[in-house]
Amino acid sequence: MADPRSISGLTEDEALEFHAQFKTTFTAFLLIAAFAHALVFIWKPWF
């Protein structure tokens, strides 16, 4: 029987769980970065 793990060493369920958490944290990072850029732009516009 074939090994259920992929090249990353994760099972499909583990990979799906990791991907869901990654999407959440990456979205939070993008929102914080956009907010920080907006604050800097309000303070000192670069255009």
PDB file of N, CA and C in Angstrom:
ATOM      1  N   MET A   1       0.833  -1.189   0.000  1.00  0.00           N
ATOM      2  CA  MET A   1       0.000   0.000   0.000  1.00  0.00           C
ATOM      3  C   MET A   1       0.880   1.255   0.000  1.00  0.00           C
ATOM      4  N   ALA A   2       0.470   2.254  -0.735  1.00  0.00           N
ATOM      5  CA  ALA A   2       1.267   3.473  -0.870  1.00  0.00           C
ATOM      6  C   ALA A   2       1.202   4.313   0.407  1.00  0.00           C
ATOM      7  N   ASP A   3       2.257   5.068   0.652  1.00  0.00           N
ATOM      8  CA  ASP A   3       2.314   5.968   1.797  1.00  0.00           C
ATOM      9  C   ASP A   3       1.352   7.138   1.555  1.00  0.00           C
ATOM     10  N   PRO A   4       0.474   7.456   2.506  1.00  0.00           N
ATOM     11  CA  PRO A   4      -0.507   8.528   2.299  1.00  0.00           C
ATOM     12  C   PRO A   4       0.086   9.928   2.410  1.00  0.00           C
ATOM     13  N   ARG A   5       1.357  10.009   2.694  1.00  0.00           N
ATOM     14  CA  ARG A   5       1.982  11.329   2.847  1.00  0.00           C
ATOM     15  C   ARG A   5       2.491  11.843   1.504  1.00  0.00           C
ATOM     16  N   SER A   6       2.469  13.166   1.361  1.00  0.00           N
ATOM     17  CA  SER A   6       2.929  13.784   0.121  1.00  0.00           C
ATOM     18  C   SER A   6       4.414  14.095   0.218  1.00  0.00           C
ATOM     19  N   ILE A   7       4.900  14.826  -0.741  1.00  0.00           N
ATOM     20  CA  ILE A   7       6.319  15.203  -0.777  1.00  0.00           C
ATOM     21  C   ILE A   7       6.690  16.103   0.413  1.00  0.00           C
ATOM     22  N   SER A   8       5.698  16.840   0.951  1.00  0.00           N
ATOM     23  CA  SER A   8       5.944  17.713   2.101  1.00  0.00           C
ATOM     24  C   SER A   8       5.991  16.940   3.412  1.00  0.00           C
ATOM     25  N   GLY A   9       5.524  15.687   3.382  1.00  0.00           N
ATOM     26  CA  GLY A   9       5.487  14.890   4.602  1.00  0.00           C
ATOM     27  C   GLY A   9       4.172  15.006   5.347  1.00  0.00           C
ATOM     28  N   LEU A  10       3.221  15.763   4.799  1.00  0.00           N
ATOM     29  CA  LEU A  10       1.921  15.934   5.433  1.00  0.00           C
ATOM     30  C   LEU A  10       0.879  15.057   4.758  1.00  0.00           C
ATOM     31  N   THR A  11      -0.087  14.626   5.553  1.00  0.00           N
ATOM     32  CA  THR A  11      -1.225  13.939   4.951  1.00  0.00           C
ATOM     33  C   THR A  11      -2.131  15.005   4.332  1.00  0.00           C
ATOM     34  N   GLU A  12      -3.115  14.569   3.557  1.00  0.00           N
ATOM     35  CA  GLU A  12      -4.019  15.545   2.934  1.00  0.00           C
ATOM     36  C   GLU A  12      -4.782  16.343   3.987  1.00  0.00           C
ATOM     37  N   ASP A  13      -5.232  15.689   5.050  1.00  0.00           N
ATOM     38  CA  ASP A  13      -5.953  16.401   6.114  1.00  0.00           C
ATOM     39  C   ASP A  13      -5.056  17.417   6.808  1.00  0.00           C
ATOM     40  N   GLU A  14      -3.813  17.035   7.079  1.00  0.00           N
ATOM     41  CA  GLU A  14      -2.868  17.963   7.702  1.00  0.00           C
ATOM     42  C   GLU A  14      -2.590  19.155   6.784  1.00  0.00           C
ATOM     43  N   ALA A  15      -2.456  18.891   5.500  1.00  0.00           N
ATOM     44  CA  ALA A  15      -2.193  19.964   4.544  1.00  0.00           C
ATOM     45  C   ALA A  15      -3.377  20.933   4.469  1.00  0.00           C
ATOM     46  N   LEU A  16      -4.591  20.403   4.476  1.00  0.00           N
ATOM     47  CA  LEU A  16      -5.781  21.265   4.444  1.00  0.00           C
ATOM     48  C   LEU A  16      -5.877  22.109   5.708  1.00  0.00           C
ATOM     49  N   GLU A  17      -5.566  21.524   6.848  1.00  0.00           N
ATOM     50  CA  GLU A  17      -5.584  22.267   8.111  1.00  0.00           C
ATOM     51  C   GLU A  17      -4.529  23.371   8.100  1.00  0.00           C
ATOM     52  N   PHE A  18      -3.334  23.041   7.639  1.00  0.00           N
ATOM     53  CA  PHE A  18      -2.261  24.034   7.553  1.00  0.00           C
ATOM     54  C   PHE A  18      -2.664  25.170   6.613  1.00  0.00           C
ATOM     55  N   HIS A  19      -3.252  24.822   5.471  1.00  0.00           N
ATOM     56  CA  HIS A  19      -3.638  25.833   4.490  1.00  0.00           C
ATOM     57  C   HIS A  19      -4.705  26.773   5.052  1.00  0.00           C
ATOM     58  N   ALA A  20      -5.667  26.237   5.770  1.00  0.00           N
ATOM     59  CA  ALA A  20      -6.712  27.065   6.382  1.00  0.00           C
ATOM     60  C   ALA A  20      -6.099  28.045   7.383  1.00  0.00           C
ATOM     61  N   GLN A  21      -5.170  27.580   8.219  1.00  0.00           N
ATOM     62  CA  GLN A  21      -4.517  28.465   9.189  1.00  0.00           C
ATOM     63  C   GLN A  21      -3.639  29.492   8.482  1.00  0.00           C
ATOM     64  N   PHE A  22      -2.953  29.081   7.436  1.00  0.00           N
ATOM     65  CA  PHE A  22      -2.103  29.996   6.675  1.00  0.00           C
ATOM     66  C   PHE A  22      -2.938  31.122   6.067  1.00  0.00           C
ATOM     67  N   LYS A  23      -4.096  30.783   5.484  1.00  0.00           N
ATOM     68  CA  LYS A  23      -4.957  31.805   4.888  1.00  0.00           C
ATOM     69  C   LYS A  23      -5.407  32.811   5.937  1.00  0.00           C
ATOM     70  N   THR A  24      -5.745  32.337   7.133  1.00  0.00           N
ATOM     71  CA  THR A  24      -6.191  33.228   8.210  1.00  0.00           C
ATOM     72  C   THR A  24      -5.085  34.185   8.629  1.00  0.00           C
ATOM     73  N   THR A  25      -3.890  33.647   8.896  1.00  0.00           N
ATOM     74  CA  THR A  25      -2.804  34.509   9.361  1.00  0.00           C
ATOM     75  C   THR A  25      -2.303  35.438   8.254  1.00  0.00           C
ATOM     76  N   PHE A  26      -2.310  34.974   7.015  1.00  0.00           N
ATOM     77  CA  PHE A  26      -1.866  35.826   5.909  1.00  0.00           C
ATOM     78  C   PHE A  26      -2.844  36.975   5.686  1.00  0.00           C
ATOM     79  N   THR A  27      -4.143  36.699   5.813  1.00  0.00           N
ATOM     80  CA  THR A  27      -5.149  37.752   5.679  1.00  0.00           C
ATOM     81  C   THR A  27      -4.981  38.785   6.793  1.00  0.00           C
ATOM     82  N   ALA A  28      -4.749  38.329   8.007  1.00  0.00           N
ATOM     83  CA  ALA A  28      -4.519  39.253   9.127  1.00  0.00           C
ATOM     84  C   ALA A  28      -3.280  40.108   8.862  1.00  0.00           C
ATOM     85  N   PHE A  29      -2.217  39.502   8.379  1.00  0.00           N
ATOM     86  CA  PHE A  29      -0.997  40.246   8.063  1.00  0.00           C
ATOM     87  C   PHE A  29      -1.271  41.321   7.012  1.00  0.00           C
ATOM     88  N   LEU A  30      -2.008  40.954   5.955  1.00  0.00           N
ATOM     89  CA  LEU A  30      -2.308  41.921   4.904  1.00  0.00           C
ATOM     90  C   LEU A  30      -3.138  43.088   5.435  1.00  0.00           C
ATOM     91  N   LEU A  31      -4.107  42.801   6.283  1.00  0.00           N
ATOM     92  CA  LEU A  31      -4.933  43.873   6.854  1.00  0.00           C
ATOM     93  C   LEU A  31      -4.114  44.805   7.740  1.00  0.00           C
ATOM     94  N   ILE A  32      -3.243  44.248   8.557  1.00  0.00           N
ATOM     95  CA  ILE A  32      -2.383  45.082   9.413  1.00  0.00           C
ATOM     96  C   ILE A  32      -1.436  45.917   8.562  1.00  0.00           C
ATOM     97  N   ALA A  33      -0.857  45.324   7.525  1.00  0.00           N
ATOM     98  CA  ALA A  33       0.062  46.054   6.651  1.00  0.00           C
ATOM     99  C   ALA A  33      -0.667  47.170   5.905  1.00  0.00           C
ATOM    100  N   ALA A  34      -1.876  46.898   5.406  1.00  0.00           N
ATOM    101  CA  ALA A  34      -2.648  47.928   4.700  1.00  0.00           C
ATOM    102  C   ALA A  34      -3.000  49.064   5.642  1.00  0.00           C
ATOM    103  N   PHE A  35      -3.385  48.736   6.860  1.00  0.00           N
ATOM    104  CA  PHE A  35      -3.714  49.766   7.854  1.00  0.00           C
ATOM    105  C   PHE A  35      -2.481  50.617   8.173  1.00  0.00           C
ATOM    106  N   ALA A  36      -1.324  49.982   8.339  1.00  0.00           N
ATOM    107  CA  ALA A  36      -0.087  50.721   8.621  1.00  0.00           C
ATOM    108  C   ALA A  36       0.271  51.635   7.451  1.00  0.00           C
ATOM    109  N   HIS A  37       0.116  51.150   6.224  1.00  0.00           N
ATOM    110  CA  HIS A  37       0.396  51.989   5.061  1.00  0.00           C
ATOM    111  C   HIS A  37      -0.569  53.167   4.994  1.00  0.00           C
ATOM    112  N   ALA A  38      -1.829  52.945   5.315  1.00  0.00           N
ATOM    113  CA  ALA A  38      -2.813  54.029   5.307  1.00  0.00           C
ATOM    114  C   ALA A  38      -2.443  55.087   6.338  1.00  0.00           C
ATOM    115  N   LEU A  39      -2.033  54.665   7.517  1.00  0.00           N
ATOM    116  CA  LEU A  39      -1.637  55.631   8.548  1.00  0.00           C
ATOM    117  C   LEU A  39      -0.429  56.453   8.103  1.00  0.00           C
ATOM    118  N   VAL A  40       0.554  55.806   7.526  1.00  0.00           N
ATOM    119  CA  VAL A  40       1.735  56.532   7.048  1.00  0.00           C
ATOM    120  C   VAL A  40       1.359  57.468   5.915  1.00  0.00           C
ATOM    121  N   PHE A  41       0.467  57.040   5.032  1.00  0.00           N
ATOM    122  CA  PHE A  41       0.045  57.896   3.924  1.00  0.00           C
ATOM    123  C   PHE A  41      -0.706  59.129   4.430  1.00  0.00           C
ATOM    124  N   ILE A  42      -1.525  58.954   5.462  1.00  0.00           N
ATOM    125  CA  ILE A  42      -2.225  60.098   6.053  1.00  0.00           C
ATOM    126  C   ILE A  42      -1.211  61.063   6.674  1.00  0.00           C
ATOM    127  N   TRP A  43      -0.194  60.516   7.330  1.00  0.00           N
ATOM    128  CA  TRP A  43       0.803  61.325   7.991  1.00  0.00           C
ATOM    129  C   TRP A  43       1.704  62.043   6.996  1.00  0.00           C
ATOM    130  N   LYS A  44       2.159  61.305   5.983  1.00  0.00           N
ATOM    131  CA  LYS A  44       3.133  61.864   5.035  1.00  0.00           C
ATOM    132  C   LYS A  44       2.908  61.256   3.648  1.00  0.00           C
ATOM    133  N   PRO A  45       1.986  61.835   2.856  1.00  0.00           N
ATOM    134  CA  PRO A  45       1.690  61.256   1.537  1.00  0.00           C
ATOM    135  C   PRO A  45       2.929  61.157   0.654  1.00  0.00           C
ATOM    136  N   TRP A  46       3.017  60.097  -0.098  1.00  0.00           N
ATOM    137  CA  TRP A  46       4.183  59.895  -0.968  1.00  0.00           C
ATOM    138  C   TRP A  46       3.904  60.183  -2.428  1.00  0.00           C
ATOM    139  N   PHE A  47       2.689  60.665  -2.751  1.00  0.00           N
ATOM    140  CA  PHE A  47       2.405  61.097  -4.125  1.00  0.00           C
ATOM    141  C   PHE A  47       2.596  62.575  -4.212  1.00  0.00           C
TER     142      PHE A  47
END
